[in-house]
Amino acid sequence: MGRDNLSGLWVFNGACARFPCGVFSTRKLAETEIERFGLTGVLTEYPLDMTVFEWAVTEELFAPSEEQQNSPEFIQRFTSAHLEHYHYEDGELA
């Protein structure tokens, strides 16, 4: 799965929210709801059937260099700026 053909789901995290408020099959569907409700937050495409950590390692975007970087604590908090994502303010692309 290359970066250019990432097949995943779009997850919207509202500003200051602890959990996502929506998961969408396409960016277009997500943006329709973001605009409709005037939401502020970040829309990110996540890979299916794997962690972001595993995706980044597979795509050679990250290589663990310390033992602790293979720990559950590290992996469950891992994210990547390489995931396609967009910022919205009051329903508009920022």
PDB file of N, CA and C in Angstrom:
ATOM      1  N   MET A   1       0.851  -1.175   0.000  1.00  0.00           N
ATOM      2  CA  MET A   1       0.000   0.000   0.000  1.00  0.00           C
ATOM      3  C   MET A   1       0.888   1.227   0.000  1.00  0.00           C
ATOM      4  N   GLY A   2       0.982   1.907  -1.099  1.00  0.00           N
ATOM      5  CA  GLY A   2       1.787   3.113  -1.195  1.00  0.00           C
ATOM      6  C   GLY A   2       1.018   4.339  -0.741  1.00  0.00           C
ATOM      7  N   ARG A   3       1.712   5.397  -0.416  1.00  0.00           N
ATOM      8  CA  ARG A   3       1.088   6.627   0.062  1.00  0.00           C
ATOM      9  C   ARG A   3       0.095   7.171  -0.955  1.00  0.00           C
ATOM     10  N   ASP A   4       0.408   7.058  -2.229  1.00  0.00           N
ATOM     11  CA  ASP A   4      -0.463   7.615  -3.254  1.00  0.00           C
ATOM     12  C   ASP A   4      -1.749   6.821  -3.449  1.00  0.00           C
ATOM     13  N   ASN A   5      -1.769   5.573  -2.978  1.00  0.00           N
ATOM     14  CA  ASN A   5      -2.986   4.784  -3.146  1.00  0.00           C
ATOM     15  C   ASN A   5      -3.467   4.228  -1.811  1.00  0.00           C
ATOM     16  N   LEU A   6      -3.282   5.003  -0.765  1.00  0.00           N
ATOM     17  CA  LEU A   6      -3.761   4.602   0.556  1.00  0.00           C
ATOM     18  C   LEU A   6      -5.261   4.376   0.481  1.00  0.00           C
ATOM     19  N   SER A   7      -5.688   3.219   0.905  1.00  0.00           N
ATOM     20  CA  SER A   7      -7.106   2.903   0.928  1.00  0.00           C
ATOM     21  C   SER A   7      -7.510   2.791   2.380  1.00  0.00           C
ATOM     22  N   GLY A   8      -8.246   3.771   2.829  1.00  0.00           N
ATOM     23  CA  GLY A   8      -8.610   3.764   4.229  1.00  0.00           C
ATOM     24  C   GLY A   8      -9.915   4.477   4.473  1.00  0.00           C
ATOM     25  N   LEU A   9     -10.104   4.839   5.708  1.00  0.00           N
ATOM     26  CA  LEU A   9     -11.287   5.569   6.123  1.00  0.00           C
ATOM     27  C   LEU A   9     -10.889   6.962   6.562  1.00  0.00           C
ATOM     28  N   TRP A  10     -11.811   7.887   6.419  1.00  0.00           N
ATOM     29  CA  TRP A  10     -11.592   9.272   6.820  1.00  0.00           C
ATOM     30  C   TRP A  10     -12.203   9.469   8.203  1.00  0.00           C
ATOM     31  N   VAL A  11     -11.386   9.947   9.132  1.00  0.00           N
ATOM     32  CA  VAL A  11     -11.810  10.126  10.511  1.00  0.00           C
ATOM     33  C   VAL A  11     -11.748  11.615  10.845  1.00  0.00           C
ATOM     34  N   PHE A  12     -12.862  12.147  11.388  1.00  0.00           N
ATOM     35  CA  PHE A  12     -12.884  13.550  11.778  1.00  0.00           C
ATOM     36  C   PHE A  12     -12.785  13.664  13.288  1.00  0.00           C
ATOM     37  N   ASN A  13     -11.769  14.403  13.748  1.00  0.00           N
ATOM     38  CA  ASN A  13     -11.589  14.708  15.163  1.00  0.00           C
ATOM     39  C   ASN A  13     -11.869  16.181  15.367  1.00  0.00           C
ATOM     40  N   GLY A  14     -12.908  16.465  16.136  1.00  0.00           N
ATOM     41  CA  GLY A  14     -13.259  17.846  16.427  1.00  0.00           C
ATOM     42  C   GLY A  14     -12.248  18.499  17.354  1.00  0.00           C
ATOM     43  N   ALA A  15     -12.158  19.805  17.286  1.00  0.00           N
ATOM     44  CA  ALA A  15     -11.246  20.559  18.145  1.00  0.00           C
ATOM     45  C   ALA A  15     -11.536  20.237  19.608  1.00  0.00           C
ATOM     46  N   CYS A  16     -10.481  19.937  20.346  1.00  0.00           N
ATOM     47  CA  CYS A  16     -10.547  19.638  21.789  1.00  0.00           C
ATOM     48  C   CYS A  16     -11.329  18.372  22.119  1.00  0.00           C
ATOM     49  N   ALA A  17     -11.682  17.561  21.133  1.00  0.00           N
ATOM     50  CA  ALA A  17     -12.414  16.321  21.390  1.00  0.00           C
ATOM     51  C   ALA A  17     -11.438  15.202  21.749  1.00  0.00           C
ATOM     52  N   ARG A  18     -11.876  14.334  22.619  1.00  0.00           N
ATOM     53  CA  ARG A  18     -11.037  13.201  23.006  1.00  0.00           C
ATOM     54  C   ARG A  18     -11.196  12.034  22.032  1.00  0.00           C
ATOM     55  N   PHE A  19     -12.361  11.925  21.422  1.00  0.00           N
ATOM     56  CA  PHE A  19     -12.642  10.837  20.497  1.00  0.00           C
ATOM     57  C   PHE A  19     -13.182  11.402  19.181  1.00  0.00           C
ATOM     58  N   PRO A  20     -13.036  10.662  18.073  1.00  0.00           N
ATOM     59  CA  PRO A  20     -13.573  11.129  16.794  1.00  0.00           C
ATOM     60  C   PRO A  20     -15.089  11.294  16.864  1.00  0.00           C
ATOM     61  N   CYS A  21     -15.602  12.224  16.066  1.00  0.00           N
ATOM     62  CA  CYS A  21     -17.062  12.402  16.020  1.00  0.00           C
ATOM     63  C   CYS A  21     -17.649  11.838  14.743  1.00  0.00           C
ATOM     64  N   GLY A  22     -16.806  11.364  13.824  1.00  0.00           N
ATOM     65  CA  GLY A  22     -17.330  10.779  12.601  1.00  0.00           C
ATOM     66  C   GLY A  22     -16.269  10.004  11.834  1.00  0.00           C
ATOM     67  N   VAL A  23     -16.722   8.956  11.157  1.00  0.00           N
ATOM     68  CA  VAL A  23     -15.867   8.129  10.307  1.00  0.00           C
ATOM     69  C   VAL A  23     -16.580   7.997   8.971  1.00  0.00           C
ATOM     70  N   PHE A  24     -15.839   8.245   7.885  1.00  0.00           N
ATOM     71  CA  PHE A  24     -16.446   8.332   6.563  1.00  0.00           C
ATOM     72  C   PHE A  24     -15.688   7.490   5.547  1.00  0.00           C
ATOM     73  N   SER A  25     -16.405   7.010   4.553  1.00  0.00           N
ATOM     74  CA  SER A  25     -15.781   6.199   3.508  1.00  0.00           C
ATOM     75  C   SER A  25     -15.059   7.051   2.472  1.00  0.00           C
ATOM     76  N   THR A  26     -15.446   8.327   2.341  1.00  0.00           N
ATOM     77  CA  THR A  26     -14.778   9.213   1.382  1.00  0.00           C
ATOM     78  C   THR A  26     -14.565  10.587   2.001  1.00  0.00           C
ATOM     79  N   ARG A  27     -13.609  11.310   1.472  1.00  0.00           N
ATOM     80  CA  ARG A  27     -13.356  12.672   1.922  1.00  0.00           C
ATOM     81  C   ARG A  27     -14.556  13.558   1.603  1.00  0.00           C
ATOM     82  N   LYS A  28     -15.150  13.348   0.457  1.00  0.00           N
ATOM     83  CA  LYS A  28     -16.289  14.170   0.023  1.00  0.00           C
ATOM     84  C   LYS A  28     -17.449  14.056   1.010  1.00  0.00           C
ATOM     85  N   LEU A  29     -17.776  12.847   1.431  1.00  0.00           N
ATOM     86  CA  LEU A  29     -18.850  12.667   2.406  1.00  0.00           C
ATOM     87  C   LEU A  29     -18.515  13.361   3.726  1.00  0.00           C
ATOM     88  N   ALA A  30     -17.270  13.237   4.146  1.00  0.00           N
ATOM     89  CA  ALA A  30     -16.847  13.884   5.393  1.00  0.00           C
ATOM     90  C   ALA A  30     -16.986  15.395   5.286  1.00  0.00           C
ATOM     91  N   GLU A  31     -16.526  15.947   4.178  1.00  0.00           N
ATOM     92  CA  GLU A  31     -16.577  17.401   4.011  1.00  0.00           C
ATOM     93  C   GLU A  31     -18.009  17.926   3.947  1.00  0.00           C
ATOM     94  N   THR A  32     -18.916  17.130   3.415  1.00  0.00           N
ATOM     95  CA  THR A  32     -20.320  17.522   3.384  1.00  0.00           C
ATOM     96  C   THR A  32     -20.845  17.712   4.805  1.00  0.00           C
ATOM     97  N   GLU A  33     -20.520  16.778   5.695  1.00  0.00           N
ATOM     98  CA  GLU A  33     -20.974  16.869   7.087  1.00  0.00           C
ATOM     99  C   GLU A  33     -20.244  17.970   7.854  1.00  0.00           C
ATOM    100  N   ILE A  34     -18.960  18.122   7.598  1.00  0.00           N
ATOM    101  CA  ILE A  34     -18.180  19.178   8.259  1.00  0.00           C
ATOM    102  C   ILE A  34     -18.764  20.545   7.919  1.00  0.00           C
ATOM    103  N   GLU A  35     -19.073  20.744   6.648  1.00  0.00           N
ATOM    104  CA  GLU A  35     -19.657  22.017   6.214  1.00  0.00           C
ATOM    105  C   GLU A  35     -21.076  22.184   6.774  1.00  0.00           C
ATOM    106  N   ARG A  36     -21.857  21.136   6.700  1.00  0.00           N
ATOM    107  CA  ARG A  36     -23.256  21.180   7.152  1.00  0.00           C
ATOM    108  C   ARG A  36     -23.378  21.635   8.602  1.00  0.00           C
ATOM    109  N   PHE A  37     -22.478  21.125   9.460  1.00  0.00           N
ATOM    110  CA  PHE A  37     -22.554  21.441  10.885  1.00  0.00           C
ATOM    111  C   PHE A  37     -21.577  22.544  11.321  1.00  0.00           C
ATOM    112  N   GLY A  38     -20.787  23.065  10.382  1.00  0.00           N
ATOM    113  CA  GLY A  38     -19.834  24.123  10.715  1.00  0.00           C
ATOM    114  C   GLY A  38     -18.767  23.671  11.693  1.00  0.00           C
ATOM    115  N   LEU A  39     -18.227  22.468  11.471  1.00  0.00           N
ATOM    116  CA  LEU A  39     -17.291  21.872  12.420  1.00  0.00           C
ATOM    117  C   LEU A  39     -15.871  22.424  12.300  1.00  0.00           C
ATOM    118  N   THR A  40     -15.160  22.362  13.414  1.00  0.00           N
ATOM    119  CA  THR A  40     -13.751  22.735  13.472  1.00  0.00           C
ATOM    120  C   THR A  40     -12.964  21.521  13.956  1.00  0.00           C
ATOM    121  N   GLY A  41     -11.893  21.176  13.240  1.00  0.00           N
ATOM    122  CA  GLY A  41     -11.069  20.041  13.627  1.00  0.00           C
ATOM    123  C   GLY A  41     -10.230  19.559  12.468  1.00  0.00           C
ATOM    124  N   VAL A  42      -9.834  18.285  12.545  1.00  0.00           N
ATOM    125  CA  VAL A  42      -8.935  17.694  11.553  1.00  0.00           C
ATOM    126  C   VAL A  42      -9.558  16.434  10.970  1.00  0.00           C
ATOM    127  N   LEU A  43      -9.525  16.331   9.649  1.00  0.00           N
ATOM    128  CA  LEU A  43      -9.979  15.148   8.916  1.00  0.00           C
ATOM    129  C   LEU A  43      -8.736  14.416   8.420  1.00  0.00           C
ATOM    130  N   THR A  44      -8.617  13.131   8.793  1.00  0.00           N
ATOM    131  CA  THR A  44      -7.427  12.351   8.460  1.00  0.00           C
ATOM    132  C   THR A  44      -7.830  11.028   7.834  1.00  0.00           C
ATOM    133  N   GLU A  45      -7.094  10.622   6.799  1.00  0.00           N
ATOM    134  CA  GLU A  45      -7.308   9.303   6.203  1.00  0.00           C
ATOM    135  C   GLU A  45      -6.410   8.299   6.917  1.00  0.00           C
ATOM    136  N   TYR A  46      -7.032   7.278   7.509  1.00  0.00           N
ATOM    137  CA  TYR A  46      -6.296   6.238   8.224  1.00  0.00           C
ATOM    138  C   TYR A  46      -6.307   4.943   7.425  1.00  0.00           C
ATOM    139  N   PRO A  47      -5.200   4.178   7.482  1.00  0.00           N
ATOM    140  CA  PRO A  47      -5.155   2.896   6.787  1.00  0.00           C
ATOM    141  C   PRO A  47      -6.093   1.895   7.452  1.00  0.00           C
ATOM    142  N   LEU A  48      -6.583   0.947   6.666  1.00  0.00           N
ATOM    143  CA  LEU A  48      -7.449  -0.113   7.178  1.00  0.00           C
ATOM    144  C   LEU A  48      -6.626  -1.325   7.588  1.00  0.00           C
ATOM    145  N   ASP A  49      -7.079  -1.988   8.608  1.00  0.00           N
ATOM    146  CA  ASP A  49      -6.552  -3.293   9.016  1.00  0.00           C
ATOM    147  C   ASP A  49      -5.109  -3.278   9.494  1.00  0.00           C
ATOM    148  N   MET A  50      -4.626  -2.111   9.925  1.00  0.00           N
ATOM    149  CA  MET A  50      -3.286  -2.035  10.504  1.00  0.00           C
ATOM    150  C   MET A  50      -3.168  -0.761  11.318  1.00  0.00           C
ATOM    151  N   THR A  51      -2.199  -0.741  12.200  1.00  0.00           N
ATOM    152  CA  THR A  51      -1.950   0.469  12.978  1.00  0.00           C
ATOM    153  C   THR A  51      -1.203   1.482  12.112  1.00  0.00           C
ATOM    154  N   VAL A  52      -1.264   2.739  12.524  1.00  0.00           N
ATOM    155  CA  VAL A  52      -0.504   3.776  11.826  1.00  0.00           C
ATOM    156  C   VAL A  52       0.989   3.457  11.930  1.00  0.00           C
ATOM    157  N   PHE A  53       1.407   2.939  13.071  1.00  0.00           N
ATOM    158  CA  PHE A  53       2.800   2.532  13.271  1.00  0.00           C
ATOM    159  C   PHE A  53       3.220   1.527  12.196  1.00  0.00           C
ATOM    160  N   GLU A  54       2.437   0.457  12.035  1.00  0.00           N
ATOM    161  CA  GLU A  54       2.756  -0.580  11.048  1.00  0.00           C
ATOM    162  C   GLU A  54       2.766  -0.001   9.632  1.00  0.00           C
ATOM    163  N   TRP A  55       1.809   0.866   9.325  1.00  0.00           N
ATOM    164  CA  TRP A  55       1.754   1.494   8.009  1.00  0.00           C
ATOM    165  C   TRP A  55       3.019   2.312   7.757  1.00  0.00           C
ATOM    166  N   ALA A  56       3.427   3.124   8.730  1.00  0.00           N
ATOM    167  CA  ALA A  56       4.613   3.978   8.571  1.00  0.00           C
ATOM    168  C   ALA A  56       5.884   3.146   8.418  1.00  0.00           C
ATOM    169  N   VAL A  57       5.988   2.051   9.152  1.00  0.00           N
ATOM    170  CA  VAL A  57       7.154   1.171   9.034  1.00  0.00           C
ATOM    171  C   VAL A  57       7.150   0.497   7.662  1.00  0.00           C
ATOM    172  N   THR A  58       5.997  -0.012   7.242  1.00  0.00           N
ATOM    173  CA  THR A  58       5.876  -0.683   5.939  1.00  0.00           C
ATOM    174  C   THR A  58       6.219   0.254   4.789  1.00  0.00           C
ATOM    175  N   GLU A  59       5.796   1.516   4.909  1.00  0.00           N
ATOM    176  CA  GLU A  59       6.056   2.510   3.864  1.00  0.00           C
ATOM    177  C   GLU A  59       7.449   3.141   3.988  1.00  0.00           C
ATOM    178  N   GLU A  60       8.230   2.658   4.960  1.00  0.00           N
ATOM    179  CA  GLU A  60       9.587   3.156   5.206  1.00  0.00           C
ATOM    180  C   GLU A  60       9.597   4.649   5.532  1.00  0.00           C
ATOM    181  N   LEU A  61       8.556   5.079   6.251  1.00  0.00           N
ATOM    182  CA  LEU A  61       8.463   6.456   6.708  1.00  0.00           C
ATOM    183  C   LEU A  61       8.968   6.590   8.138  1.00  0.00           C
ATOM    184  N   PHE A  62       9.077   5.461   8.820  1.00  0.00           N
ATOM    185  CA  PHE A  62       9.580   5.418  10.187  1.00  0.00           C
ATOM    186  C   PHE A  62      10.278   4.089  10.410  1.00  0.00           C
ATOM    187  N   ALA A  63      11.395   4.143  11.115  1.00  0.00           N
ATOM    188  CA  ALA A  63      12.122   2.929  11.494  1.00  0.00           C
ATOM    189  C   ALA A  63      12.457   3.035  12.978  1.00  0.00           C
ATOM    190  N   PRO A  64      11.938   2.117  13.792  1.00  0.00           N
ATOM    191  CA  PRO A  64      12.258   2.156  15.213  1.00  0.00           C
ATOM    192  C   PRO A  64      13.769   2.081  15.412  1.00  0.00           C
ATOM    193  N   SER A  65      14.282   2.980  16.243  1.00  0.00           N
ATOM    194  CA  SER A  65      15.722   3.004  16.476  1.00  0.00           C
ATOM    195  C   SER A  65      16.073   2.705  17.931  1.00  0.00           C
ATOM    196  N   GLU A  66      15.050   2.609  18.773  1.00  0.00           N
ATOM    197  CA  GLU A  66      15.241   2.290  20.182  1.00  0.00           C
ATOM    198  C   GLU A  66      14.260   1.190  20.572  1.00  0.00           C
ATOM    199  N   GLU A  67      14.631   0.368  21.526  1.00  0.00           N
ATOM    200  CA  GLU A  67      13.780  -0.743  21.961  1.00  0.00           C
ATOM    201  C   GLU A  67      12.387  -0.272  22.386  1.00  0.00           C
ATOM    202  N   GLN A  68      12.318   0.861  23.102  1.00  0.00           N
ATOM    203  CA  GLN A  68      11.013   1.351  23.581  1.00  0.00           C
ATOM    204  C   GLN A  68      10.078   1.726  22.438  1.00  0.00           C
ATOM    205  N   GLN A  69      10.620   1.946  21.248  1.00  0.00           N
ATOM    206  CA  GLN A  69       9.773   2.300  20.104  1.00  0.00           C
ATOM    207  C   GLN A  69       9.031   1.097  19.531  1.00  0.00           C
ATOM    208  N   ASN A  70       9.261  -0.074  20.084  1.00  0.00           N
ATOM    209  CA  ASN A  70       8.509  -1.271  19.720  1.00  0.00           C
ATOM    210  C   ASN A  70       7.543  -1.678  20.826  1.00  0.00           C
ATOM    211  N   SER A  71       7.422  -0.850  21.851  1.00  0.00           N
ATOM    212  CA  SER A  71       6.559  -1.172  22.987  1.00  0.00           C
ATOM    213  C   SER A  71       5.103  -0.846  22.670  1.00  0.00           C
ATOM    214  N   PRO A  72       4.180  -1.544  23.326  1.00  0.00           N
ATOM    215  CA  PRO A  72       2.762  -1.232  23.141  1.00  0.00           C
ATOM    216  C   PRO A  72       2.448   0.229  23.457  1.00  0.00           C
ATOM    217  N   GLU A  73       3.063   0.780  24.491  1.00  0.00           N
ATOM    218  CA  GLU A  73       2.812   2.164  24.883  1.00  0.00           C
ATOM    219  C   GLU A  73       3.173   3.134  23.756  1.00  0.00           C
ATOM    220  N   PHE A  74       4.277   2.880  23.077  1.00  0.00           N
ATOM    221  CA  PHE A  74       4.713   3.736  21.975  1.00  0.00           C
ATOM    222  C   PHE A  74       3.788   3.555  20.766  1.00  0.00           C
ATOM    223  N   ILE A  75       3.528   2.311  20.402  1.00  0.00           N
ATOM    224  CA  ILE A  75       2.733   2.007  19.208  1.00  0.00           C
ATOM    225  C   ILE A  75       1.311   2.543  19.336  1.00  0.00           C
ATOM    226  N   GLN A  76       0.707   2.449  20.507  1.00  0.00           N
ATOM    227  CA  GLN A  76      -0.690   2.895  20.660  1.00  0.00           C
ATOM    228  C   GLN A  76      -0.835   4.400  20.657  1.00  0.00           C
ATOM    229  N   ARG A  77       0.266   5.143  20.810  1.00  0.00           N
ATOM    230  CA  ARG A  77       0.225   6.605  20.739  1.00  0.00           C
ATOM    231  C   ARG A  77       0.799   7.130  19.429  1.00  0.00           C
ATOM    232  N   PHE A  78       1.341   6.257  18.603  1.00  0.00           N
ATOM    233  CA  PHE A  78       2.033   6.664  17.388  1.00  0.00           C
ATOM    234  C   PHE A  78       1.065   7.246  16.365  1.00  0.00           C
ATOM    235  N   THR A  79       1.478   8.333  15.748  1.00  0.00           N
ATOM    236  CA  THR A  79       0.751   8.905  14.622  1.00  0.00           C
ATOM    237  C   THR A  79       1.785   9.404  13.619  1.00  0.00           C
ATOM    238  N   SER A  80       1.357   9.831  12.471  1.00  0.00           N
ATOM    239  CA  SER A  80       2.289  10.257  11.438  1.00  0.00           C
ATOM    240  C   SER A  80       1.764  11.459  10.678  1.00  0.00           C
ATOM    241  N   ALA A  81       2.610  12.438  10.503  1.00  0.00           N
ATOM    242  CA  ALA A  81       2.253  13.611   9.693  1.00  0.00           C
ATOM    243  C   ALA A  81       2.145  13.235   8.217  1.00  0.00           C
ATOM    244  N   HIS A  82       2.588  12.029   7.869  1.00  0.00           N
ATOM    245  CA  HIS A  82       2.511  11.572   6.475  1.00  0.00           C
ATOM    246  C   HIS A  82       1.099  11.130   6.080  1.00  0.00           C
ATOM    247  N   LEU A  83       0.219  10.940   7.065  1.00  0.00           N
ATOM    248  CA  LEU A  83      -1.167  10.621   6.732  1.00  0.00           C
ATOM    249  C   LEU A  83      -1.803  11.853   6.099  1.00  0.00           C
ATOM    250  N   GLU A  84      -2.585  11.631   5.061  1.00  0.00           N
ATOM    251  CA  GLU A  84      -3.265  12.760   4.424  1.00  0.00           C
ATOM    252  C   GLU A  84      -4.274  13.332   5.412  1.00  0.00           C
ATOM    253  N   HIS A  85      -4.203  14.642   5.631  1.00  0.00           N
ATOM    254  CA  HIS A  85      -5.102  15.262   6.600  1.00  0.00           C
ATOM    255  C   HIS A  85      -5.367  16.714   6.220  1.00  0.00           C
ATOM    256  N   TYR A  86      -6.513  17.218   6.691  1.00  0.00           N
ATOM    257  CA  TYR A  86      -6.951  18.570   6.375  1.00  0.00           C
ATOM    258  C   TYR A  86      -7.533  19.212   7.633  1.00  0.00           C
ATOM    259  N   HIS A  87      -7.280  20.490   7.802  1.00  0.00           N
ATOM    260  CA  HIS A  87      -7.776  21.258   8.937  1.00  0.00           C
ATOM    261  C   HIS A  87      -8.983  22.092   8.497  1.00  0.00           C
ATOM    262  N   TYR A  88      -9.982  22.154   9.364  1.00  0.00           N
ATOM    263  CA  TYR A  88     -11.210  22.894   9.083  1.00  0.00           C
ATOM    264  C   TYR A  88     -11.508  23.840  10.240  1.00  0.00           C
ATOM    265  N   GLU A  89     -12.043  24.990   9.916  1.00  0.00           N
ATOM    266  CA  GLU A  89     -12.507  25.937  10.917  1.00  0.00           C
ATOM    267  C   GLU A  89     -13.918  26.373  10.535  1.00  0.00           C
ATOM    268  N   ASP A  90     -14.833  26.182  11.444  1.00  0.00           N
ATOM    269  CA  ASP A  90     -16.242  26.540  11.222  1.00  0.00           C
ATOM    270  C   ASP A  90     -16.775  26.015   9.895  1.00  0.00           C
ATOM    271  N   GLY A  91     -16.414  24.768   9.579  1.00  0.00           N
ATOM    272  CA  GLY A  91     -16.916  24.107   8.379  1.00  0.00           C
ATOM    273  C   GLY A  91     -16.166  24.386   7.100  1.00  0.00           C
ATOM    274  N   GLU A  92     -15.161  25.242   7.159  1.00  0.00           N
ATOM    275  CA  GLU A  92     -14.403  25.610   5.965  1.00  0.00           C
ATOM    276  C   GLU A  92     -12.980  25.067   6.026  1.00  0.00           C
ATOM    277  N   LEU A  93     -12.456  24.643   4.896  1.00  0.00           N
ATOM    278  CA  LEU A  93     -11.065  24.191   4.817  1.00  0.00           C
ATOM    279  C   LEU A  93     -10.160  25.353   5.202  1.00  0.00           C
ATOM    280  N   ALA A  94      -9.309  25.128   6.182  1.00  0.00           N
ATOM    281  CA  ALA A  94      -8.433  26.192   6.682  1.00  0.00           C
ATOM    282  C   ALA A  94      -7.158  26.289   5.844  1.00  0.00           C
TER     283      ALA A  94
END
